Protein backbone atom coordinates (compact mmCIF):
# COMPACT_ATOMS: atom_id res chain seq x y z
CA MET A 1 16.72 -7.14 25.96
CA THR A 2 12.94 -5.90 24.70
CA LYS A 3 11.81 -3.00 26.45
CA ARG A 4 8.74 -2.61 27.80
CA PRO A 5 6.58 -0.10 29.42
CA SER A 6 5.86 -0.62 33.51
CA THR A 7 3.94 1.47 35.67
CA ILE A 8 5.68 2.38 38.57
CA GLY A 9 8.84 4.90 37.54
CA GLU A 10 7.76 4.88 33.59
CA ARG A 11 9.93 6.38 31.47
CA ILE A 12 9.54 7.37 28.02
CA ALA A 13 12.73 6.12 27.36
CA ASP A 14 11.65 2.42 28.60
CA MET A 15 9.19 1.98 25.74
CA ARG A 16 9.58 0.00 23.00
CA ASN A 17 10.85 2.00 20.09
CA LEU A 18 11.91 5.17 22.15
CA GLY A 19 15.32 5.83 23.47
CA PRO A 20 16.79 8.88 25.53
CA ARG A 21 17.13 11.24 22.03
CA SER A 22 13.20 10.70 21.48
CA GLU A 23 12.60 11.10 25.10
CA GLU A 24 14.67 14.80 24.97
CA MET A 25 12.68 15.32 21.87
CA LEU A 26 9.19 14.87 23.61
CA GLY A 27 10.34 16.53 26.50
CA ARG A 28 11.29 19.71 24.61
CA ALA A 29 7.64 19.25 23.39
CA GLY A 30 6.09 19.45 26.84
CA ILE A 31 5.61 15.69 26.52
CA HIS A 32 6.97 14.09 29.90
CA SER A 33 5.49 10.52 30.78
CA PRO A 34 4.34 7.22 28.79
CA ALA A 35 0.74 8.41 30.20
CA GLU A 36 0.54 11.67 28.51
CA ILE A 37 1.68 9.87 24.98
CA ARG A 38 -1.02 7.35 26.05
CA ARG A 39 -3.77 10.00 26.17
CA LEU A 40 -2.67 11.87 23.21
CA GLY A 41 -1.84 9.19 20.57
CA ALA A 42 0.90 8.88 18.43
CA VAL A 43 -0.57 11.46 16.45
CA LEU A 44 -0.95 14.51 18.52
CA VAL A 45 2.47 13.98 20.09
CA TYR A 46 4.18 13.76 16.76
CA ARG A 47 2.37 17.11 16.02
CA ARG A 48 3.49 18.82 18.65
CA VAL A 49 7.46 17.52 18.44
CA ALA A 50 7.16 18.56 14.84
CA GLU A 51 5.74 22.08 15.48
CA ARG A 52 8.79 22.51 17.67
CA GLU A 53 11.42 20.16 16.32
CA SER A 54 12.52 20.48 12.61
CA ARG A 55 14.34 17.36 12.88
CA ALA A 56 11.02 15.14 13.57
CA SER A 57 10.83 12.93 11.13
CA LEU A 58 8.16 10.30 10.32
CA ASN A 59 10.15 7.72 11.91
CA LEU A 60 9.39 9.19 15.44
CA LEU A 61 5.49 9.14 14.49
CA TRP A 62 6.34 5.33 13.36
CA ALA A 63 8.19 4.69 17.09
CA LEU A 64 5.14 6.15 18.75
CA GLU A 65 2.62 4.25 17.33
CA GLY A 66 4.49 0.82 17.73
CA ALA A 67 5.25 1.81 21.27
CA LEU A 68 1.57 2.48 21.88
CA ARG A 69 1.07 -0.93 20.46
CA ASP A 70 4.02 -2.82 21.76
CA ILE A 71 5.64 -3.85 18.69
CA ASP A 72 8.57 -3.11 16.53
CA TRP A 73 7.67 0.22 14.73
CA ARG A 74 9.08 -1.82 11.67
CA ASP A 75 5.93 -4.04 11.53
CA LEU A 76 3.53 -1.34 11.13
CA THR A 77 2.14 -2.29 7.68
CA GLN A 78 1.66 0.26 4.73
CA SER A 79 -2.09 0.76 5.80
CA ASP A 80 -1.14 1.33 9.36
CA LYS A 81 1.33 4.50 8.06
CA ALA A 82 -1.36 5.67 5.14
CA ARG A 83 -3.73 5.81 8.41
CA LEU A 84 -1.64 8.00 10.44
CA LEU A 85 -0.71 9.97 7.84
CA GLN A 86 -4.08 10.59 6.91
CA GLU A 87 -4.75 11.32 11.11
CA ILE A 88 -2.12 14.33 10.74
CA ARG A 89 -3.86 15.81 7.79
CA ASP A 90 -7.16 15.49 9.68
CA VAL A 91 -6.17 16.95 12.57
């Protein structure tokens, strides 16, 4: 079963690559909806989480980017990952 975001009653845990644990981490960082993830983008959401959660790993960044693109995070290319890491350094 593929997780896809819906428009009504949408939850972070319903987005591709993200589940209940990701939703909890994002909630503790003040991110409570897929709309907020879309508005802020993967990099800013990841940075907010990483500032508050010592166990936030780069896999969360990859998962967020994959969720925004509606692709499996493992399908991100090395180029995609390098761009995301550069964006983190630039923010």
